[in-house]
């Protein structure tokens, strides 16, 4: 999986992360024959109350699970759950370059809204991060 982690995440730490986030927002896991192939989850975009209708979304797949539509399936399910929770906008961050992730976001209707240069560092190199946004509901002003 491609993340900004520099070392493997211990099982207890991952359980804690899931519990912290999934108490209020969806965390979806796809498992096949007892092996996790991918997961998608949402977290609040920012902590201030003005952002309560915006979420950041993430999908991760094992290398063996790419190219078969699983990312699309997980993301669509996550989007529908967030729509049901009355979220207005969702934002997905992508470490760049990553043509497959960009294609996934754009296939699902996300539009690129930001590109930050060299904001992440992993494996002794600087990494750009782009943000794609999907508006779920029309504005009521």
N, C-alpha and C. Protein backbone atom coordinates (compact mmCIF):
# COMPACT_ATOMS: atom_id res chain seq x y z
N UNK A 1 0.83 -1.18 0.00
CA UNK A 1 0.00 0.00 0.00
C UNK A 1 0.88 1.25 0.00
N UNK A 2 0.38 2.27 -0.61
CA UNK A 2 1.13 3.51 -0.70
C UNK A 2 0.57 4.49 0.32
N UNK A 3 1.39 4.83 1.32
CA UNK A 3 0.97 5.78 2.34
C UNK A 3 2.16 6.66 2.68
N UNK A 4 1.95 7.60 3.56
CA UNK A 4 3.06 8.42 4.03
C UNK A 4 3.68 7.83 5.29
N UNK A 5 3.34 6.61 5.63
CA UNK A 5 3.99 5.94 6.76
C UNK A 5 5.42 5.60 6.35
N UNK A 6 6.34 5.71 7.29
CA UNK A 6 7.73 5.37 6.97
C UNK A 6 8.09 3.98 7.47
N UNK A 7 7.29 3.45 8.39
CA UNK A 7 7.47 2.09 8.87
C UNK A 7 6.11 1.42 8.92
N UNK A 8 6.11 0.11 8.98
CA UNK A 8 4.85 -0.63 9.07
C UNK A 8 4.09 -0.21 10.32
N UNK A 9 2.77 -0.14 10.19
CA UNK A 9 1.92 0.24 11.31
C UNK A 9 1.57 -1.02 12.09
N UNK A 10 1.80 -0.99 13.40
CA UNK A 10 1.47 -2.14 14.25
C UNK A 10 -0.03 -2.35 14.27
N UNK A 11 -0.44 -3.58 14.47
CA UNK A 11 -1.85 -3.94 14.49
C UNK A 11 -2.62 -3.12 15.53
N UNK A 12 -2.07 -2.98 16.71
CA UNK A 12 -2.75 -2.23 17.78
C UNK A 12 -2.94 -0.77 17.38
N UNK A 13 -1.95 -0.18 16.72
CA UNK A 13 -2.05 1.21 16.27
C UNK A 13 -3.13 1.35 15.20
N UNK A 14 -3.18 0.41 14.26
CA UNK A 14 -4.21 0.46 13.22
C UNK A 14 -5.59 0.28 13.83
N UNK A 15 -5.72 -0.62 14.80
CA UNK A 15 -7.01 -0.80 15.48
C UNK A 15 -7.44 0.49 16.17
N UNK A 16 -6.52 1.17 16.79
CA UNK A 16 -6.82 2.43 17.47
C UNK A 16 -7.27 3.49 16.46
N UNK A 17 -6.59 3.57 15.33
CA UNK A 17 -6.98 4.53 14.30
C UNK A 17 -8.39 4.26 13.79
N UNK A 18 -8.67 3.00 13.54
CA UNK A 18 -10.00 2.62 13.04
C UNK A 18 -11.06 2.97 14.07
N UNK A 19 -10.82 2.65 15.32
CA UNK A 19 -11.79 2.94 16.37
C UNK A 19 -12.02 4.45 16.51
N UNK A 20 -10.96 5.23 16.46
CA UNK A 20 -11.09 6.68 16.59
C UNK A 20 -11.93 7.28 15.48
N UNK A 21 -11.70 6.84 14.25
CA UNK A 21 -12.41 7.41 13.12
C UNK A 21 -13.79 6.81 12.90
N UNK A 22 -13.91 5.50 13.06
CA UNK A 22 -15.16 4.84 12.70
C UNK A 22 -16.28 5.07 13.70
N UNK A 23 -15.97 5.69 14.82
CA UNK A 23 -17.04 6.00 15.78
C UNK A 23 -18.07 6.94 15.15
N UNK A 24 -17.62 7.85 14.29
CA UNK A 24 -18.54 8.83 13.69
C UNK A 24 -18.64 8.71 12.18
N UNK A 25 -17.61 8.21 11.54
CA UNK A 25 -17.58 8.18 10.07
C UNK A 25 -17.26 6.78 9.56
N UNK A 26 -17.64 6.49 8.32
CA UNK A 26 -17.45 5.14 7.78
C UNK A 26 -16.00 4.74 7.58
N UNK A 27 -15.75 3.48 7.83
CA UNK A 27 -14.48 2.84 7.54
C UNK A 27 -14.84 1.50 6.92
N UNK A 28 -14.57 1.31 5.64
CA UNK A 28 -14.95 0.11 4.91
C UNK A 28 -13.72 -0.74 4.60
N UNK A 29 -13.86 -2.04 4.77
CA UNK A 29 -12.75 -2.95 4.53
C UNK A 29 -13.21 -4.05 3.58
N UNK A 30 -12.37 -4.37 2.59
CA UNK A 30 -12.65 -5.48 1.69
C UNK A 30 -11.66 -6.59 2.00
N UNK A 31 -12.22 -7.74 2.34
CA UNK A 31 -11.40 -8.87 2.72
C UNK A 31 -11.73 -10.04 1.80
N UNK A 32 -10.70 -10.77 1.40
CA UNK A 32 -10.89 -11.94 0.54
C UNK A 32 -10.07 -13.09 1.09
N UNK A 33 -10.73 -14.17 1.43
CA UNK A 33 -10.09 -15.36 2.00
C UNK A 33 -9.21 -15.01 3.20
N UNK A 34 -9.75 -14.14 4.07
CA UNK A 34 -9.06 -13.77 5.29
C UNK A 34 -7.94 -12.76 5.13
N UNK A 35 -7.77 -12.23 3.92
CA UNK A 35 -6.70 -11.26 3.67
C UNK A 35 -7.32 -9.94 3.25
N UNK A 36 -6.93 -8.86 3.93
CA UNK A 36 -7.46 -7.53 3.59
C UNK A 36 -6.84 -7.10 2.27
N UNK A 37 -7.71 -6.81 1.31
CA UNK A 37 -7.27 -6.39 -0.02
C UNK A 37 -7.32 -4.87 -0.19
N UNK A 38 -8.16 -4.22 0.63
CA UNK A 38 -8.26 -2.78 0.54
C UNK A 38 -9.18 -2.22 1.59
N UNK A 39 -9.09 -0.91 1.78
CA UNK A 39 -10.00 -0.24 2.70
C UNK A 39 -10.16 1.20 2.28
N UNK A 40 -11.27 1.79 2.71
CA UNK A 40 -11.56 3.20 2.43
C UNK A 40 -12.19 3.78 3.69
N UNK A 41 -11.86 5.04 3.98
CA UNK A 41 -12.45 5.65 5.16
C UNK A 41 -12.56 7.15 4.98
N UNK A 42 -13.32 7.75 5.86
CA UNK A 42 -13.50 9.20 5.87
C UNK A 42 -13.08 9.75 7.22
N UNK A 43 -12.56 10.96 7.19
CA UNK A 43 -12.25 11.69 8.42
C UNK A 43 -12.71 13.12 8.21
N UNK A 44 -12.89 13.83 9.30
CA UNK A 44 -13.33 15.22 9.17
C UNK A 44 -12.24 16.02 8.47
N UNK A 45 -12.64 16.94 7.60
CA UNK A 45 -11.68 17.76 6.87
C UNK A 45 -10.90 18.66 7.83
N UNK A 46 -11.59 19.36 8.69
CA UNK A 46 -10.98 20.21 9.72
C UNK A 46 -11.83 20.09 10.98
N UNK A 47 -11.27 20.50 12.11
CA UNK A 47 -11.99 20.34 13.37
C UNK A 47 -12.99 21.45 13.67
N UNK A 48 -12.90 22.58 13.04
CA UNK A 48 -13.81 23.70 13.31
C UNK A 48 -15.21 23.38 12.82
N UNK A 49 -16.22 23.87 13.53
CA UNK A 49 -17.61 23.52 13.21
C UNK A 49 -18.04 23.98 11.82
N UNK A 50 -17.42 25.01 11.27
CA UNK A 50 -17.77 25.48 9.93
C UNK A 50 -17.50 24.41 8.87
N UNK A 51 -16.61 23.44 9.18
CA UNK A 51 -16.25 22.39 8.23
C UNK A 51 -17.00 21.08 8.49
N UNK A 52 -18.02 21.11 9.31
CA UNK A 52 -18.67 19.86 9.72
C UNK A 52 -19.32 19.08 8.58
N UNK A 53 -19.52 19.69 7.42
CA UNK A 53 -20.14 19.00 6.29
C UNK A 53 -19.13 18.64 5.22
N UNK A 54 -17.84 18.70 5.56
CA UNK A 54 -16.77 18.34 4.64
C UNK A 54 -15.92 17.23 5.24
N UNK A 55 -15.58 16.24 4.42
CA UNK A 55 -14.78 15.11 4.89
C UNK A 55 -13.62 14.86 3.95
N UNK A 56 -12.54 14.34 4.52
CA UNK A 56 -11.43 13.87 3.69
C UNK A 56 -11.59 12.37 3.53
N UNK A 57 -11.41 11.88 2.32
CA UNK A 57 -11.60 10.46 2.04
C UNK A 57 -10.31 9.84 1.55
N UNK A 58 -10.16 8.57 1.84
CA UNK A 58 -8.95 7.84 1.49
C UNK A 58 -9.31 6.42 1.09
N UNK A 59 -8.62 5.91 0.09
CA UNK A 59 -8.77 4.50 -0.29
C UNK A 59 -7.37 3.93 -0.48
N UNK A 60 -7.14 2.74 0.06
CA UNK A 60 -5.88 2.04 -0.08
C UNK A 60 -6.15 0.64 -0.57
N UNK A 61 -5.34 0.16 -1.50
CA UNK A 61 -5.45 -1.21 -2.00
C UNK A 61 -4.10 -1.89 -1.89
N UNK A 62 -4.13 -3.21 -1.66
CA UNK A 62 -2.89 -3.95 -1.74
C UNK A 62 -2.47 -3.97 -3.20
N UNK A 63 -1.19 -4.15 -3.44
CA UNK A 63 -0.70 -4.15 -4.82
C UNK A 63 -1.38 -5.24 -5.65
N UNK A 64 -1.73 -6.35 -5.01
CA UNK A 64 -2.37 -7.46 -5.72
C UNK A 64 -3.83 -7.18 -6.07
N UNK A 65 -4.42 -6.17 -5.46
CA UNK A 65 -5.85 -5.89 -5.65
C UNK A 65 -6.11 -4.74 -6.62
N UNK A 66 -5.08 -4.22 -7.24
CA UNK A 66 -5.28 -3.08 -8.14
C UNK A 66 -5.71 -3.56 -9.53
N UNK A 67 -6.42 -2.68 -10.23
CA UNK A 67 -6.77 -2.95 -11.61
C UNK A 67 -8.01 -3.80 -11.84
N UNK A 68 -8.74 -4.12 -10.77
CA UNK A 68 -9.93 -4.96 -10.94
C UNK A 68 -11.23 -4.27 -10.49
N UNK A 69 -11.18 -2.96 -10.28
CA UNK A 69 -12.38 -2.21 -9.91
C UNK A 69 -12.66 -2.12 -8.42
N UNK A 70 -11.80 -2.71 -7.60
CA UNK A 70 -12.04 -2.69 -6.15
C UNK A 70 -11.97 -1.27 -5.60
N UNK A 71 -11.03 -0.47 -6.06
CA UNK A 71 -10.93 0.91 -5.59
C UNK A 71 -12.20 1.69 -5.89
N UNK A 72 -12.73 1.51 -7.09
CA UNK A 72 -13.98 2.17 -7.48
C UNK A 72 -15.12 1.71 -6.58
N UNK A 73 -15.20 0.41 -6.36
CA UNK A 73 -16.28 -0.15 -5.53
C UNK A 73 -16.23 0.39 -4.10
N UNK A 74 -15.05 0.40 -3.51
CA UNK A 74 -14.91 0.90 -2.14
C UNK A 74 -15.24 2.39 -2.06
N UNK A 75 -14.71 3.17 -3.01
CA UNK A 75 -14.95 4.61 -3.01
C UNK A 75 -16.42 4.94 -3.21
N UNK A 76 -17.07 4.24 -4.16
CA UNK A 76 -18.50 4.49 -4.39
C UNK A 76 -19.32 4.20 -3.14
N UNK A 77 -19.01 3.10 -2.46
CA UNK A 77 -19.73 2.76 -1.23
C UNK A 77 -19.50 3.82 -0.16
N UNK A 78 -18.27 4.29 -0.04
CA UNK A 78 -17.95 5.33 0.93
C UNK A 78 -18.68 6.63 0.60
N UNK A 79 -18.67 7.01 -0.66
CA UNK A 79 -19.35 8.23 -1.09
C UNK A 79 -20.84 8.17 -0.76
N UNK A 80 -21.47 7.04 -1.04
CA UNK A 80 -22.90 6.90 -0.76
C UNK A 80 -23.19 6.99 0.74
N UNK A 81 -22.33 6.43 1.55
CA UNK A 81 -22.53 6.54 3.00
C UNK A 81 -22.40 7.99 3.46
N UNK A 82 -21.44 8.70 2.92
CA UNK A 82 -21.26 10.11 3.29
C UNK A 82 -22.43 10.95 2.80
N UNK A 83 -22.93 10.64 1.62
CA UNK A 83 -24.11 11.33 1.11
C UNK A 83 -25.29 11.11 2.07
N UNK A 84 -25.45 9.90 2.56
CA UNK A 84 -26.50 9.58 3.52
C UNK A 84 -26.34 10.27 4.85
N UNK A 85 -25.11 10.67 5.17
CA UNK A 85 -24.83 11.39 6.42
C UNK A 85 -24.89 12.91 6.23
N UNK A 86 -25.38 13.33 5.06
CA UNK A 86 -25.57 14.75 4.72
C UNK A 86 -24.29 15.55 4.57
N UNK A 87 -23.22 14.88 4.15
CA UNK A 87 -22.01 15.63 3.86
C UNK A 87 -22.21 16.40 2.56
N UNK A 88 -21.59 17.56 2.47
CA UNK A 88 -21.72 18.40 1.30
C UNK A 88 -20.54 18.22 0.33
N UNK A 89 -19.33 18.16 0.87
CA UNK A 89 -18.17 17.99 0.00
C UNK A 89 -17.21 16.98 0.61
N UNK A 90 -16.52 16.27 -0.29
CA UNK A 90 -15.49 15.34 0.15
C UNK A 90 -14.22 15.63 -0.64
N UNK A 91 -13.10 15.43 0.03
CA UNK A 91 -11.80 15.81 -0.51
C UNK A 91 -10.86 14.61 -0.41
N UNK A 92 -10.24 14.30 -1.54
CA UNK A 92 -9.28 13.20 -1.57
C UNK A 92 -7.89 13.72 -1.88
N UNK A 93 -6.91 13.35 -1.08
CA UNK A 93 -5.53 13.74 -1.30
C UNK A 93 -4.79 12.64 -2.04
N UNK A 94 -3.91 13.05 -2.98
CA UNK A 94 -3.18 12.09 -3.79
C UNK A 94 -1.70 12.47 -3.79
N UNK A 95 -0.84 11.55 -3.38
CA UNK A 95 0.61 11.75 -3.52
C UNK A 95 0.92 11.68 -5.00
N UNK A 96 1.68 12.65 -5.48
CA UNK A 96 1.93 12.76 -6.92
C UNK A 96 3.40 12.51 -7.25
N UNK A 97 3.65 11.90 -8.41
CA UNK A 97 2.69 11.49 -9.44
C UNK A 97 2.03 10.17 -9.08
N UNK A 98 0.78 10.02 -9.48
CA UNK A 98 0.03 8.79 -9.24
C UNK A 98 -1.13 8.75 -10.24
N UNK A 99 -0.86 8.41 -11.48
CA UNK A 99 -1.89 8.44 -12.53
C UNK A 99 -3.11 7.58 -12.22
N UNK A 100 -2.92 6.43 -11.57
CA UNK A 100 -4.05 5.55 -11.28
C UNK A 100 -5.00 6.19 -10.28
N UNK A 101 -4.47 6.81 -9.24
CA UNK A 101 -5.32 7.46 -8.24
C UNK A 101 -6.01 8.69 -8.81
N UNK A 102 -5.28 9.46 -9.62
CA UNK A 102 -5.88 10.62 -10.27
C UNK A 102 -7.05 10.15 -11.15
N UNK A 103 -6.83 9.10 -11.92
CA UNK A 103 -7.88 8.57 -12.81
C UNK A 103 -9.09 8.10 -12.00
N UNK A 104 -8.86 7.44 -10.87
CA UNK A 104 -9.96 6.98 -10.03
C UNK A 104 -10.80 8.15 -9.55
N UNK A 105 -10.16 9.16 -9.01
CA UNK A 105 -10.88 10.33 -8.51
C UNK A 105 -11.68 11.01 -9.62
N UNK A 106 -11.05 11.21 -10.75
CA UNK A 106 -11.73 11.91 -11.84
C UNK A 106 -12.85 11.07 -12.45
N UNK A 107 -12.68 9.76 -12.48
CA UNK A 107 -13.75 8.87 -12.96
C UNK A 107 -15.00 8.99 -12.10
N UNK A 108 -14.80 9.24 -10.81
CA UNK A 108 -15.92 9.35 -9.88
C UNK A 108 -16.46 10.77 -9.76
N UNK A 109 -15.95 11.69 -10.57
CA UNK A 109 -16.48 13.04 -10.60
C UNK A 109 -15.72 14.07 -9.78
N UNK A 110 -14.63 13.68 -9.15
CA UNK A 110 -13.82 14.62 -8.39
C UNK A 110 -13.13 15.58 -9.36
N UNK A 111 -12.91 16.81 -8.91
CA UNK A 111 -12.16 17.80 -9.68
C UNK A 111 -10.94 18.23 -8.89
N UNK A 112 -9.82 18.40 -9.59
CA UNK A 112 -8.59 18.84 -8.92
C UNK A 112 -8.77 20.28 -8.47
N UNK A 113 -8.46 20.53 -7.19
CA UNK A 113 -8.62 21.88 -6.63
C UNK A 113 -7.33 22.44 -6.03
N UNK A 114 -6.31 21.60 -5.86
CA UNK A 114 -5.07 22.10 -5.27
C UNK A 114 -3.89 21.20 -5.62
N UNK A 115 -2.72 21.80 -5.62
CA UNK A 115 -1.49 21.05 -5.83
C UNK A 115 -0.42 21.70 -4.94
N UNK A 116 0.02 20.95 -3.94
CA UNK A 116 1.05 21.44 -3.03
C UNK A 116 2.37 20.76 -3.39
N UNK A 117 3.39 21.55 -3.56
CA UNK A 117 4.69 21.03 -3.94
C UNK A 117 5.53 20.69 -2.73
N UNK A 118 6.11 19.49 -2.76
CA UNK A 118 7.08 19.05 -1.77
C UNK A 118 6.60 19.22 -0.33
N UNK A 119 5.39 18.79 -0.04
CA UNK A 119 4.86 18.90 1.32
C UNK A 119 5.02 17.62 2.13
N UNK A 120 5.34 16.52 1.46
CA UNK A 120 5.58 15.26 2.14
C UNK A 120 7.00 14.79 1.87
N UNK A 121 7.53 14.03 2.79
CA UNK A 121 8.87 13.49 2.59
C UNK A 121 8.85 12.02 2.94
N UNK A 122 9.30 11.21 1.99
CA UNK A 122 9.32 9.76 2.20
C UNK A 122 10.43 9.17 1.33
N UNK A 123 11.13 8.23 1.90
CA UNK A 123 12.20 7.54 1.18
C UNK A 123 13.23 8.52 0.62
N UNK A 124 13.56 9.51 1.46
CA UNK A 124 14.58 10.51 1.14
C UNK A 124 14.26 11.36 -0.09
N UNK A 125 12.97 11.57 -0.36
CA UNK A 125 12.62 12.46 -1.45
C UNK A 125 11.36 13.24 -1.10
N UNK A 126 11.24 14.43 -1.67
CA UNK A 126 10.08 15.27 -1.45
C UNK A 126 8.96 14.82 -2.37
N UNK A 127 7.73 14.88 -1.87
CA UNK A 127 6.56 14.41 -2.61
C UNK A 127 5.52 15.51 -2.67
N UNK A 128 5.00 15.74 -3.87
CA UNK A 128 3.89 16.67 -4.06
C UNK A 128 2.59 15.98 -3.68
N UNK A 129 1.60 16.75 -3.26
CA UNK A 129 0.27 16.22 -2.95
C UNK A 129 -0.77 17.09 -3.64
N UNK A 130 -1.66 16.44 -4.36
CA UNK A 130 -2.77 17.14 -4.99
C UNK A 130 -4.06 16.81 -4.25
N UNK A 131 -5.03 17.72 -4.34
CA UNK A 131 -6.33 17.48 -3.71
C UNK A 131 -7.42 17.55 -4.77
N UNK A 132 -8.32 16.58 -4.70
CA UNK A 132 -9.48 16.50 -5.59
C UNK A 132 -10.72 16.60 -4.71
N UNK A 133 -11.73 17.32 -5.19
CA UNK A 133 -12.96 17.54 -4.41
C UNK A 133 -14.17 17.08 -5.20
N UNK A 134 -15.14 16.53 -4.47
CA UNK A 134 -16.43 16.15 -5.04
C UNK A 134 -17.53 16.80 -4.21
N UNK A 135 -18.35 17.59 -4.86
CA UNK A 135 -19.51 18.20 -4.18
C UNK A 135 -20.66 17.21 -4.27
N UNK A 136 -21.20 16.82 -3.13
CA UNK A 136 -22.26 15.80 -3.08
C UNK A 136 -23.65 16.38 -3.21
N UNK A 137 -23.85 17.59 -2.74
CA UNK A 137 -25.17 18.18 -2.72
C UNK A 137 -25.08 19.60 -3.26
N UNK A 138 -26.12 20.02 -3.93
CA UNK A 138 -26.15 21.38 -4.45
C UNK A 138 -26.26 22.37 -3.30
N UNK A 139 -25.63 23.52 -3.47
CA UNK A 139 -25.66 24.57 -2.44
C UNK A 139 -27.08 25.13 -2.29
N UNK A 140 -27.42 25.41 -1.04
CA UNK A 140 -28.72 26.04 -0.76
C UNK A 140 -28.55 27.50 -0.36
N UNK A 141 -27.32 27.96 -0.34
CA UNK A 141 -26.93 29.32 0.07
C UNK A 141 -27.47 29.65 1.38
